[in-house]
Amino acid sequence: MKISNNLFFGPIDNLNSQSFFQILIIRLIFCYDPLLKENNLTNLTLIGLGLHDENGISLQGLEKAKRATYVFAEFYTNYMPAIKISNLEKLIGKQVKILSRKEVEDHAQEKILIHAKKYPCVFLTPGDPNIATTHIDLRLRAEKEGIRTSIIHSASISSAIAGATGLQNYKFGRTVTIPFKSTSISEIPYENIFENKSRGLHTLALLDINSESHLFMSIPEGLTIIIEMEERLRKRCTTKNTLAIGVARLGSPDASVKAGTIENLQRFNWGDPPHCIAFPGKLHFMEIEALKILCKADPELFEI
């Protein structure tokens, strides 16, 4: 007996009640759901939320989340100052399950992957997915289990820093993270800033956070740590008179971007987190103009 493809692929919302239930029963018998096929039955999509609040999600990401069976999210890799889970759930139209670092990194199998093997799932992240190594680890584990994965991108500090400061994107070197003193006394951040500068490259310095403990390093704290490293290593890489750029709450209506000497930036009131710092390398004349106009740098800093 030949069964028409319309029984499986055709719409059923405009049928009379008898035909509707007949086709629904056939689809249930054959374990077929066109919606799951459309979304990829074995699927996990990582979706970026952007920098500031729930409105940073792209239209593509929002539609994908609306069609998912399960929606997971983490907020420990970065701080989104204005995110409201209730608003995010209203946008998506379903519950968002917030997972801790331990749940994602140590218990992804039972928390996420077991569901992604059967149903379309999405995993929401601050910024842009796969910038954090924990996201890459999750995606690799999913792929190894036969779960198809994909990414829907959004803005991150790594992509936004050039536009916010006027520094040219292709002139950034290795990104560094300045850790809390209680976490590490590593000199690697200082050495990488020095290495970048020696090649004429800019450095994006991320400042340590612990979202679960609500601890966020400020720009003055980060600069103090870098100055202490300078005093130990004495390479004249980050002295009190070195030019730097402080960036606070990028992506928000009250974002603050200011260039000046390290000493001046240490005294500035930066307000709420998140914060980061950029250390310029060799500057093009257009970058100098951008620092003066966009970052309110004192023109005397660039006089020879």
Protein backbone atom coordinates (compact mmCIF):
# COMPACT_ATOMS: atom_id res chain seq x y z
CA MET A 1 0.00 0.00 0.00
CA LYS A 2 1.35 3.39 -0.99
CA ILE A 3 1.04 6.11 1.64
CA SER A 4 0.84 9.68 0.39
CA ASN A 5 3.64 12.01 1.44
CA ASN A 6 0.96 14.52 2.38
CA LEU A 7 0.22 12.40 5.42
CA PHE A 8 3.72 13.22 6.67
CA PHE A 9 4.65 16.55 5.13
CA GLY A 10 1.36 18.33 4.52
CA PRO A 11 -0.15 20.91 6.89
CA ILE A 12 -2.90 19.66 9.18
CA ASP A 13 -4.19 22.86 10.72
CA ASN A 14 -6.83 23.49 8.02
CA LEU A 15 -8.37 20.00 8.02
CA ASN A 16 -11.72 19.01 9.47
CA SER A 17 -11.64 17.37 12.87
CA GLN A 18 -11.92 13.77 11.59
CA SER A 19 -9.10 14.12 9.05
CA PHE A 20 -6.98 16.02 11.59
CA PHE A 21 -7.09 13.20 14.14
CA GLN A 22 -6.58 10.50 11.49
CA ILE A 23 -3.38 12.09 10.23
CA LEU A 24 -2.22 12.88 13.77
CA ILE A 25 -2.60 9.22 14.74
CA ILE A 26 -0.67 8.07 11.65
CA ARG A 27 2.16 10.46 12.46
CA LEU A 28 2.26 9.26 16.06
CA ILE A 29 2.34 5.61 14.93
CA PHE A 30 5.29 6.30 12.66
CA CYS A 31 6.93 8.49 15.34
CA TYR A 32 7.09 11.35 12.90
CA ASP A 33 7.01 15.02 13.76
CA PRO A 34 7.66 17.49 10.91
CA LEU A 35 8.63 20.21 13.42
CA LEU A 36 11.40 18.06 14.83
CA LYS A 37 12.62 17.27 11.33
CA GLU A 38 12.68 20.96 10.46
CA ASN A 39 14.71 21.74 13.56
CA ASN A 40 17.03 18.72 13.24
CA LEU A 41 16.04 15.99 15.68
CA THR A 42 19.57 15.58 17.03
CA ASN A 43 20.53 19.18 17.51
CA LEU A 44 22.18 21.63 19.88
CA THR A 45 22.47 25.27 18.85
CA LEU A 46 24.68 27.69 20.78
CA ILE A 47 23.22 31.20 20.61
CA GLY A 48 24.92 34.42 21.68
CA LEU A 49 22.97 36.99 23.70
CA GLY A 50 25.30 39.93 23.14
CA LEU A 51 26.72 42.36 25.66
CA HIS A 52 24.05 44.02 27.76
CA ASP A 53 20.55 42.55 28.01
CA GLU A 54 18.13 40.05 26.46
CA ASN A 55 17.56 42.31 23.44
CA GLY A 56 21.07 41.51 22.20
CA ILE A 57 19.90 38.17 20.79
CA SER A 58 19.62 38.19 16.99
CA LEU A 59 16.31 37.62 15.21
CA GLN A 60 17.73 34.36 13.87
CA GLY A 61 18.70 33.26 17.37
CA LEU A 62 15.31 34.24 18.77
CA GLU A 63 13.44 32.20 16.15
CA LYS A 64 15.66 29.18 16.76
CA ALA A 65 15.07 29.42 20.51
CA LYS A 66 11.31 29.68 20.00
CA ARG A 67 11.33 26.40 18.04
CA ALA A 68 13.51 24.51 20.51
CA THR A 69 12.11 21.98 22.95
CA TYR A 70 14.60 22.86 25.67
CA VAL A 71 16.34 26.18 26.29
CA PHE A 72 19.44 26.26 28.52
CA ALA A 73 21.62 29.22 29.45
CA GLU A 74 24.76 30.09 31.41
CA PHE A 75 25.85 33.46 32.79
CA TYR A 76 29.12 32.60 34.54
CA THR A 77 31.50 33.28 31.62
CA ASN A 78 30.54 36.94 31.40
CA TYR A 79 28.36 39.49 33.15
CA MET A 80 25.34 40.95 31.39
CA PRO A 81 24.35 43.89 33.61
CA ALA A 82 20.74 44.32 32.47
CA ILE A 83 19.68 40.77 31.60
CA LYS A 84 16.29 39.82 33.00
CA ILE A 85 15.42 36.16 32.75
CA SER A 86 11.69 36.87 32.97
CA ASN A 87 11.93 39.17 29.93
CA LEU A 88 14.05 36.62 28.08
CA GLU A 89 11.45 33.93 28.74
CA LYS A 90 8.69 36.22 27.47
CA LEU A 91 10.64 36.83 24.25
CA ILE A 92 11.22 33.13 23.67
CA GLY A 93 7.86 31.96 24.97
CA LYS A 94 9.22 29.20 27.20
CA GLN A 95 11.20 28.51 30.35
CA VAL A 96 14.97 29.08 30.32
CA LYS A 97 16.95 26.67 32.48
CA ILE A 98 19.97 28.48 34.00
CA LEU A 99 22.97 26.21 34.52
CA SER A 100 25.96 26.75 36.81
CA ARG A 101 29.60 26.28 35.80
CA LYS A 102 29.66 22.90 37.54
CA GLU A 103 26.51 21.76 35.76
CA VAL A 104 27.86 22.72 32.32
CA GLU A 105 31.44 21.55 32.77
CA ASP A 106 30.96 18.49 34.97
CA HIS A 107 27.38 17.36 34.32
CA ALA A 108 26.64 18.35 30.72
CA GLN A 109 25.71 14.78 29.86
CA GLU A 110 22.69 14.58 32.17
CA LYS A 111 21.82 18.28 32.09
CA ILE A 112 22.04 19.04 28.34
CA LEU A 113 23.22 16.26 26.04
CA ILE A 114 20.69 13.65 27.10
CA HIS A 115 17.96 16.00 25.91
CA ALA A 116 19.79 17.10 22.75
CA LYS A 117 19.96 13.47 21.62
CA LYS A 118 16.16 13.42 21.37
CA TYR A 119 14.96 16.99 20.94
CA PRO A 120 16.10 20.30 19.44
CA CYS A 121 17.85 22.27 22.17
CA VAL A 122 19.53 25.66 22.41
CA PHE A 123 22.22 26.87 24.78
CA LEU A 124 22.26 30.63 25.37
CA THR A 125 25.53 32.34 26.26
CA PRO A 126 26.65 35.89 27.08
CA GLY A 127 28.47 37.57 24.20
CA ASP A 128 29.37 35.28 21.31
CA PRO A 129 29.46 31.48 21.66
CA ASN A 130 32.80 29.66 21.51
CA ILE A 131 34.76 32.70 22.69
CA ALA A 132 34.88 30.90 26.05
CA THR A 133 36.63 27.52 26.10
CA THR A 134 33.78 26.02 28.14
CA HIS A 135 31.50 26.51 25.12
CA ILE A 136 33.97 24.84 22.77
CA ASP A 137 34.24 21.90 25.18
CA LEU A 138 30.44 21.52 25.27
CA ARG A 139 30.19 21.61 21.48
CA LEU A 140 32.95 19.04 21.01
CA ARG A 141 31.36 16.70 23.52
CA ALA A 142 28.03 16.99 21.74
CA GLU A 143 29.55 16.26 18.33
CA LYS A 144 31.36 13.20 19.70
CA GLU A 145 27.99 11.90 20.90
CA GLY A 146 26.51 12.26 17.42
CA ILE A 147 24.63 15.48 18.24
CA ARG A 148 24.68 18.00 15.41
CA THR A 149 25.72 21.45 16.60
CA SER A 150 25.57 24.94 15.16
CA ILE A 151 26.22 28.52 16.27
CA ILE A 152 24.24 31.74 15.96
CA HIS A 153 26.58 34.64 16.65
CA SER A 154 26.15 37.90 18.52
CA ALA A 155 28.34 40.78 19.69
CA SER A 156 31.13 40.14 22.19
CA ILE A 157 33.72 42.36 23.80
CA SER A 158 36.30 40.84 21.43
CA SER A 159 34.41 42.07 18.38
CA ALA A 160 33.08 45.33 19.86
CA ILE A 161 36.27 46.75 21.38
CA ALA A 162 37.64 48.03 18.05
CA GLY A 163 34.43 49.83 17.16
CA ALA A 164 34.11 51.36 20.63
CA THR A 165 37.65 52.73 20.78
CA GLY A 166 38.46 53.41 17.13
CA LEU A 167 41.49 51.12 17.25
CA GLN A 168 41.91 49.06 14.09
CA ASN A 169 40.69 45.51 14.55
CA TYR A 170 43.48 43.80 12.61
CA LYS A 171 46.12 45.38 14.87
CA PHE A 172 45.07 43.56 18.04
CA GLY A 173 47.42 40.90 19.36
CA ARG A 174 46.83 38.21 21.95
CA THR A 175 44.03 38.91 24.42
CA VAL A 176 44.94 38.62 28.11
CA THR A 177 42.97 38.13 31.30
CA ILE A 178 44.07 39.87 34.50
CA PRO A 179 43.12 37.54 37.39
CA PHE A 180 42.21 38.46 40.94
CA LYS A 181 45.24 38.56 43.25
CA SER A 182 43.73 35.80 45.36
CA THR A 183 43.44 33.60 42.24
CA SER A 184 46.87 34.02 40.68
CA ILE A 185 50.09 36.04 40.74
CA SER A 186 50.90 35.13 37.14
CA GLU A 187 53.05 37.55 35.16
CA ILE A 188 51.71 36.21 31.86
CA PRO A 189 49.29 39.13 31.29
CA TYR A 190 52.14 41.63 31.60
CA GLU A 191 54.44 39.57 29.38
CA ASN A 192 51.77 39.30 26.68
CA ILE A 193 51.11 43.06 26.76
CA PHE A 194 54.87 43.59 26.39
CA GLU A 195 55.04 41.06 23.54
CA ASN A 196 52.14 42.71 21.70
CA LYS A 197 53.61 46.19 22.13
CA SER A 198 56.99 45.07 20.85
CA ARG A 199 55.22 44.08 17.63
CA GLY A 200 53.21 47.31 17.48
CA LEU A 201 49.98 45.51 18.39
CA HIS A 202 47.14 46.50 20.70
CA THR A 203 46.07 44.37 23.67
CA LEU A 204 42.58 43.70 24.98
CA ALA A 205 42.81 42.94 28.70
CA LEU A 206 39.79 41.18 30.16
CA LEU A 207 39.27 41.63 33.89
CA ASP A 208 38.52 38.68 36.13
CA ILE A 209 34.96 37.99 37.26
CA ASN A 210 33.19 35.50 39.48
CA SER A 211 29.53 35.88 38.54
CA GLU A 212 28.34 33.29 41.02
CA SER A 213 29.99 35.22 43.88
CA HIS A 214 29.12 38.56 42.25
CA LEU A 215 32.76 39.66 42.17
CA PHE A 216 33.93 41.84 39.28
CA MET A 217 37.39 43.36 38.90
CA SER A 218 37.31 47.09 38.21
CA ILE A 219 39.55 49.03 35.84
CA PRO A 220 41.50 50.67 38.73
CA GLU A 221 42.06 47.25 40.31
CA GLY A 222 43.30 45.77 37.02
CA LEU A 223 45.63 48.69 36.39
CA THR A 224 47.03 48.47 39.92
CA ILE A 225 47.91 44.81 39.34
CA ILE A 226 49.61 45.66 36.02
CA ILE A 227 51.58 48.51 37.65
CA GLU A 228 52.78 46.11 40.37
CA MET A 229 53.98 43.73 37.64
CA GLU A 230 55.79 46.65 35.98
CA GLU A 231 57.53 47.48 39.25
CA ARG A 232 58.76 43.88 39.52
CA LEU A 233 59.77 43.29 35.90
CA ARG A 234 60.79 46.85 34.93
CA LYS A 235 60.37 46.59 31.15
CA ARG A 236 58.76 50.05 30.94
CA CYS A 237 55.72 48.49 29.33
CA THR A 238 52.96 49.78 31.61
CA THR A 239 54.18 52.70 33.71
CA LYS A 240 51.87 55.25 35.33
CA ASN A 241 52.36 57.48 32.27
CA THR A 242 51.48 54.75 29.75
CA LEU A 243 48.47 55.35 27.50
CA ALA A 244 45.55 52.99 28.12
CA ILE A 245 41.82 52.88 27.43
CA GLY A 246 39.20 51.96 29.99
CA VAL A 247 35.88 50.53 28.81
CA ALA A 248 32.86 50.00 31.06
CA ARG A 249 29.45 48.46 30.29
CA LEU A 250 30.04 48.27 26.55
CA GLY A 251 26.78 47.75 24.69
CA SER A 252 24.67 49.57 27.26
CA PRO A 253 23.11 53.06 26.98
CA ASP A 254 25.51 54.36 29.65
CA ALA A 255 28.70 52.78 28.32
CA SER A 256 31.89 54.60 29.30
CA VAL A 257 35.01 54.68 27.11
CA LYS A 258 37.96 56.86 28.10
CA ALA A 259 41.62 57.06 27.09
CA GLY A 260 44.36 58.51 29.27
CA THR A 261 47.44 57.66 31.27
CA ILE A 262 47.18 54.70 33.61
CA GLU A 263 47.51 57.10 36.55
CA ASN A 264 44.53 59.17 35.35
CA LEU A 265 42.38 56.13 34.57
CA GLN A 266 42.99 54.78 38.08
CA ARG A 267 41.33 57.90 39.53
CA PHE A 268 38.31 57.89 37.20
CA ASN A 269 34.90 56.75 38.47
CA TRP A 270 33.96 53.90 36.13
CA GLY A 271 30.65 52.91 37.69
CA ASP A 272 29.14 49.45 37.51
CA PRO A 273 30.72 46.42 35.77
CA PRO A 274 31.67 44.84 33.47
CA HIS A 275 34.99 46.58 32.82
CA CYS A 276 37.94 45.91 30.52
CA ILE A 277 41.11 47.69 29.41
CA ALA A 278 42.83 48.20 26.06
CA PHE A 279 46.57 48.89 25.83
CA PRO A 280 47.39 50.51 22.47
CA GLY A 281 50.42 49.52 20.43
CA LYS A 282 51.75 51.59 17.55
CA LEU A 283 49.04 54.05 16.54
CA HIS A 284 47.97 55.09 13.05
CA PHE A 285 47.08 58.80 12.71
CA MET A 286 43.41 57.87 12.29
CA GLU A 287 43.52 55.85 15.51
CA ILE A 288 45.00 58.87 17.30
CA GLU A 289 42.11 61.01 16.05
CA ALA A 290 39.64 58.37 17.22
CA LEU A 291 41.18 58.30 20.70
CA LYS A 292 40.92 62.08 20.92
CA ILE A 293 37.33 62.30 19.67
CA LEU A 294 35.71 59.00 20.69
CA CYS A 295 37.68 58.30 23.86
CA LYS A 296 38.20 61.89 25.06
CA ALA A 297 42.00 61.54 25.19
CA ASP A 298 44.02 64.63 26.03
CA PRO A 299 45.69 65.79 22.74
CA GLU A 300 48.89 66.53 24.68
CA LEU A 301 49.39 62.78 25.13
CA PHE A 302 50.26 62.51 21.44
CA GLU A 303 52.58 65.50 21.15
CA ILE A 304 56.20 64.59 20.47
